[in-house]
Amino acid sequence: MLSDRIVVKITCGQGDSFLDRMIALVEGAIRQRTPNEIALTLLLSALTLVFLIVVVPLWPMAWNAEQYMMGYLGVTTPLKSLGTDIPP
């Protein structure tokens, strides 16, 4: 190189280059889900449903147990921390 500049001649039209075609292929690619992905989706959905069925009724049962203890023993707040207190 004898000078301090490079002259480049563009020989293809805008959007006709190899790189533009590769980008268009990647952007427009639509693939089907594999059987493993479908099975995993179904498994996670089923486990989520089971989790919700088990966990959602816990709050009303805990509230009912607290109401029962208040009526039976007449104790509210000290009974909640009974299992966590360390005797002196």
N, C-alpha and C. Protein backbone atom coordinates (compact mmCIF):
# COMPACT_ATOMS: atom_id res chain seq x y z
N MET A 1 0.85 -1.16 0.00
CA MET A 1 0.00 0.00 0.00
C MET A 1 0.90 1.23 0.00
N LEU A 2 0.64 2.06 -0.97
CA LEU A 2 1.49 3.23 -1.11
C LEU A 2 0.81 4.52 -0.65
N SER A 3 -0.51 4.46 -0.46
CA SER A 3 -1.20 5.68 -0.04
C SER A 3 -1.88 5.45 1.32
N ASP A 4 -2.51 6.48 1.83
CA ASP A 4 -3.16 6.38 3.13
C ASP A 4 -4.67 6.24 3.02
N ARG A 5 -5.18 5.76 1.93
CA ARG A 5 -6.61 5.56 1.77
C ARG A 5 -6.87 4.29 0.97
N ILE A 6 -8.08 3.76 1.16
CA ILE A 6 -8.51 2.55 0.47
C ILE A 6 -9.78 2.90 -0.31
N VAL A 7 -9.83 2.51 -1.56
CA VAL A 7 -11.00 2.75 -2.38
C VAL A 7 -11.75 1.42 -2.52
N VAL A 8 -13.05 1.44 -2.18
CA VAL A 8 -13.87 0.24 -2.24
C VAL A 8 -14.97 0.46 -3.27
N LYS A 9 -15.17 -0.54 -4.13
CA LYS A 9 -16.22 -0.45 -5.13
C LYS A 9 -17.31 -1.46 -4.76
N ILE A 10 -18.54 -1.02 -4.58
CA ILE A 10 -19.66 -1.87 -4.25
C ILE A 10 -20.22 -2.43 -5.55
N THR A 11 -20.33 -3.77 -5.62
CA THR A 11 -20.74 -4.39 -6.88
C THR A 11 -22.14 -4.99 -6.83
N CYS A 12 -22.81 -4.97 -5.69
CA CYS A 12 -24.17 -5.52 -5.62
C CYS A 12 -25.13 -4.45 -5.13
N GLY A 13 -26.40 -4.68 -5.42
CA GLY A 13 -27.42 -3.72 -5.02
C GLY A 13 -27.71 -3.82 -3.53
N GLN A 14 -28.42 -2.83 -3.02
CA GLN A 14 -28.76 -2.80 -1.61
C GLN A 14 -29.75 -3.93 -1.30
N GLY A 15 -29.41 -4.76 -0.30
CA GLY A 15 -30.27 -5.88 0.09
C GLY A 15 -30.03 -7.14 -0.71
N ASP A 16 -29.07 -7.16 -1.63
CA ASP A 16 -28.81 -8.34 -2.46
C ASP A 16 -27.55 -9.10 -2.05
N SER A 17 -26.88 -8.66 -1.00
CA SER A 17 -25.62 -9.30 -0.63
C SER A 17 -25.87 -10.63 0.09
N PHE A 18 -24.82 -11.41 0.22
CA PHE A 18 -24.89 -12.70 0.91
C PHE A 18 -25.30 -12.51 2.36
N LEU A 19 -24.76 -11.51 3.01
CA LEU A 19 -25.07 -11.24 4.41
C LEU A 19 -26.53 -10.85 4.59
N ASP A 20 -27.07 -10.04 3.68
CA ASP A 20 -28.48 -9.68 3.76
C ASP A 20 -29.38 -10.90 3.61
N ARG A 21 -29.02 -11.81 2.72
CA ARG A 21 -29.81 -13.04 2.55
C ARG A 21 -29.75 -13.91 3.79
N MET A 22 -28.59 -14.00 4.43
CA MET A 22 -28.46 -14.80 5.66
C MET A 22 -29.29 -14.19 6.79
N ILE A 23 -29.28 -12.89 6.92
CA ILE A 23 -30.07 -12.23 7.96
C ILE A 23 -31.55 -12.46 7.72
N ALA A 24 -31.99 -12.39 6.48
CA ALA A 24 -33.39 -12.63 6.15
C ALA A 24 -33.79 -14.07 6.47
N LEU A 25 -32.90 -15.03 6.24
CA LEU A 25 -33.19 -16.43 6.58
C LEU A 25 -33.36 -16.61 8.08
N VAL A 26 -32.49 -16.00 8.85
CA VAL A 26 -32.55 -16.16 10.31
C VAL A 26 -33.79 -15.45 10.87
N GLU A 27 -34.10 -14.27 10.37
CA GLU A 27 -35.26 -13.52 10.88
C GLU A 27 -36.57 -14.21 10.54
N GLY A 28 -36.64 -14.85 9.40
CA GLY A 28 -37.89 -15.48 8.97
C GLY A 28 -38.00 -16.94 9.33
N ALA A 29 -37.06 -17.46 10.09
CA ALA A 29 -37.07 -18.89 10.42
C ALA A 29 -38.15 -19.19 11.44
N ILE A 30 -38.99 -20.15 11.12
CA ILE A 30 -40.01 -20.64 12.05
C ILE A 30 -39.81 -22.13 12.18
N ARG A 31 -39.60 -22.58 13.40
CA ARG A 31 -39.38 -24.01 13.58
C ARG A 31 -40.47 -24.59 14.47
N GLN A 32 -40.73 -25.86 14.23
CA GLN A 32 -41.71 -26.54 15.07
C GLN A 32 -41.06 -26.96 16.37
N ARG A 33 -41.89 -27.08 17.40
CA ARG A 33 -41.37 -27.51 18.70
C ARG A 33 -41.12 -29.01 18.66
N THR A 34 -40.05 -29.41 19.32
CA THR A 34 -39.71 -30.83 19.36
C THR A 34 -40.62 -31.56 20.34
N PRO A 35 -40.73 -32.89 20.22
CA PRO A 35 -41.55 -33.64 21.17
C PRO A 35 -41.09 -33.47 22.62
N ASN A 36 -39.80 -33.33 22.83
CA ASN A 36 -39.31 -33.12 24.20
C ASN A 36 -39.78 -31.78 24.76
N GLU A 37 -39.79 -30.75 23.94
CA GLU A 37 -40.28 -29.44 24.41
C GLU A 37 -41.77 -29.50 24.74
N ILE A 38 -42.53 -30.20 23.93
CA ILE A 38 -43.96 -30.34 24.19
C ILE A 38 -44.20 -31.11 25.47
N ALA A 39 -43.45 -32.21 25.65
CA ALA A 39 -43.61 -33.01 26.86
C ALA A 39 -43.20 -32.22 28.11
N LEU A 40 -42.14 -31.45 28.01
CA LEU A 40 -41.70 -30.64 29.15
C LEU A 40 -42.74 -29.57 29.50
N THR A 41 -43.33 -28.96 28.49
CA THR A 41 -44.38 -27.97 28.74
C THR A 41 -45.57 -28.60 29.44
N LEU A 42 -45.99 -29.77 28.98
CA LEU A 42 -47.11 -30.46 29.62
C LEU A 42 -46.78 -30.85 31.06
N LEU A 43 -45.57 -31.34 31.29
CA LEU A 43 -45.16 -31.74 32.64
C LEU A 43 -45.15 -30.54 33.58
N LEU A 44 -44.57 -29.42 33.13
CA LEU A 44 -44.51 -28.24 33.99
C LEU A 44 -45.90 -27.68 34.26
N SER A 45 -46.77 -27.74 33.27
CA SER A 45 -48.15 -27.28 33.48
C SER A 45 -48.87 -28.16 34.50
N ALA A 46 -48.69 -29.47 34.39
CA ALA A 46 -49.34 -30.38 35.33
C ALA A 46 -48.79 -30.18 36.75
N LEU A 47 -47.49 -30.03 36.89
CA LEU A 47 -46.90 -29.82 38.21
C LEU A 47 -47.35 -28.49 38.81
N THR A 48 -47.49 -27.46 37.98
CA THR A 48 -47.99 -26.18 38.47
C THR A 48 -49.41 -26.31 38.98
N LEU A 49 -50.24 -27.03 38.24
CA LEU A 49 -51.62 -27.24 38.65
C LEU A 49 -51.70 -28.01 39.97
N VAL A 50 -50.88 -29.06 40.11
CA VAL A 50 -50.86 -29.83 41.36
C VAL A 50 -50.39 -28.95 42.52
N PHE A 51 -49.38 -28.14 42.28
CA PHE A 51 -48.87 -27.24 43.32
C PHE A 51 -49.97 -26.29 43.78
N LEU A 52 -50.70 -25.71 42.83
CA LEU A 52 -51.77 -24.78 43.20
C LEU A 52 -52.90 -25.48 43.95
N ILE A 53 -53.24 -26.69 43.52
CA ILE A 53 -54.30 -27.44 44.21
C ILE A 53 -53.90 -27.75 45.65
N VAL A 54 -52.63 -27.99 45.89
CA VAL A 54 -52.17 -28.32 47.24
C VAL A 54 -51.99 -27.06 48.10
N VAL A 55 -51.45 -25.99 47.53
CA VAL A 55 -51.06 -24.83 48.33
C VAL A 55 -52.23 -23.87 48.60
N VAL A 56 -53.11 -23.68 47.65
CA VAL A 56 -54.18 -22.69 47.81
C VAL A 56 -55.08 -23.00 49.01
N PRO A 57 -55.45 -24.24 49.28
CA PRO A 57 -56.31 -24.49 50.45
C PRO A 57 -55.61 -24.33 51.80
N LEU A 58 -54.30 -24.16 51.83
CA LEU A 58 -53.59 -24.06 53.10
C LEU A 58 -53.99 -22.81 53.89
N TRP A 59 -54.17 -21.67 53.23
CA TRP A 59 -54.50 -20.46 53.95
C TRP A 59 -55.84 -20.56 54.67
N PRO A 60 -56.92 -21.01 53.99
CA PRO A 60 -58.18 -21.15 54.73
C PRO A 60 -58.09 -22.18 55.86
N MET A 61 -57.33 -23.24 55.66
CA MET A 61 -57.19 -24.23 56.74
C MET A 61 -56.44 -23.64 57.92
N ALA A 62 -55.41 -22.85 57.66
CA ALA A 62 -54.67 -22.21 58.75
C ALA A 62 -55.55 -21.20 59.48
N TRP A 63 -56.34 -20.44 58.74
CA TRP A 63 -57.25 -19.48 59.37
C TRP A 63 -58.28 -20.20 60.23
N ASN A 64 -58.80 -21.33 59.73
CA ASN A 64 -59.77 -22.11 60.47
C ASN A 64 -59.14 -22.68 61.75
N ALA A 65 -57.91 -23.14 61.65
CA ALA A 65 -57.22 -23.68 62.83
C ALA A 65 -56.99 -22.58 63.87
N GLU A 66 -56.69 -21.38 63.41
CA GLU A 66 -56.48 -20.27 64.35
C GLU A 66 -57.80 -19.92 65.05
N GLN A 67 -58.89 -19.90 64.31
CA GLN A 67 -60.19 -19.61 64.92
C GLN A 67 -60.57 -20.68 65.94
N TYR A 68 -60.27 -21.92 65.62
CA TYR A 68 -60.55 -23.03 66.54
C TYR A 68 -59.74 -22.88 67.82
N MET A 69 -58.46 -22.56 67.68
CA MET A 69 -57.61 -22.41 68.86
C MET A 69 -58.04 -21.22 69.71
N MET A 70 -58.49 -20.15 69.06
CA MET A 70 -58.96 -18.99 69.83
C MET A 70 -60.21 -19.35 70.62
N GLY A 71 -61.09 -20.12 70.04
CA GLY A 71 -62.30 -20.50 70.74
C GLY A 71 -62.05 -21.56 71.79
N TYR A 72 -61.15 -22.48 71.54
CA TYR A 72 -60.90 -23.59 72.44
C TYR A 72 -60.02 -23.19 73.61
N LEU A 73 -58.94 -22.49 73.31
CA LEU A 73 -57.98 -22.13 74.35
C LEU A 73 -58.07 -20.67 74.78
N GLY A 74 -58.65 -19.83 73.95
CA GLY A 74 -58.70 -18.41 74.26
C GLY A 74 -57.36 -17.74 74.11
N VAL A 75 -56.46 -18.32 73.32
CA VAL A 75 -55.11 -17.79 73.15
C VAL A 75 -54.93 -17.45 71.68
N THR A 76 -54.30 -16.31 71.40
CA THR A 76 -54.07 -15.95 70.01
C THR A 76 -52.59 -15.79 69.71
N THR A 77 -52.01 -14.67 70.11
CA THR A 77 -50.64 -14.34 69.71
C THR A 77 -49.58 -15.22 70.37
N PRO A 78 -49.59 -15.49 71.67
CA PRO A 78 -48.52 -16.29 72.25
C PRO A 78 -48.46 -17.71 71.66
N LEU A 79 -49.59 -18.23 71.23
CA LEU A 79 -49.60 -19.59 70.70
C LEU A 79 -48.89 -19.67 69.35
N LYS A 80 -48.88 -18.57 68.60
CA LYS A 80 -48.25 -18.58 67.30
C LYS A 80 -46.74 -18.77 67.42
N SER A 81 -46.14 -18.19 68.45
CA SER A 81 -44.69 -18.27 68.59
C SER A 81 -44.26 -19.34 69.58
N LEU A 82 -45.17 -20.18 69.98
CA LEU A 82 -44.86 -21.19 70.99
C LEU A 82 -43.77 -22.17 70.51
N GLY A 83 -43.85 -22.56 69.26
CA GLY A 83 -42.87 -23.52 68.76
C GLY A 83 -41.52 -22.94 68.48
N THR A 84 -41.42 -21.62 68.42
CA THR A 84 -40.13 -21.00 68.10
C THR A 84 -39.42 -20.43 69.31
N ASP A 85 -40.09 -20.32 70.43
CA ASP A 85 -39.46 -19.76 71.63
C ASP A 85 -38.55 -20.81 72.29
N ILE A 86 -37.43 -20.31 72.76
CA ILE A 86 -36.49 -21.17 73.49
C ILE A 86 -36.67 -20.88 74.97
N PRO A 87 -36.94 -21.88 75.77
CA PRO A 87 -37.13 -21.63 77.21
C PRO A 87 -35.85 -21.10 77.84
N PRO A 88 -35.98 -20.20 78.84
CA PRO A 88 -34.77 -19.65 79.48
C PRO A 88 -34.07 -20.64 80.37
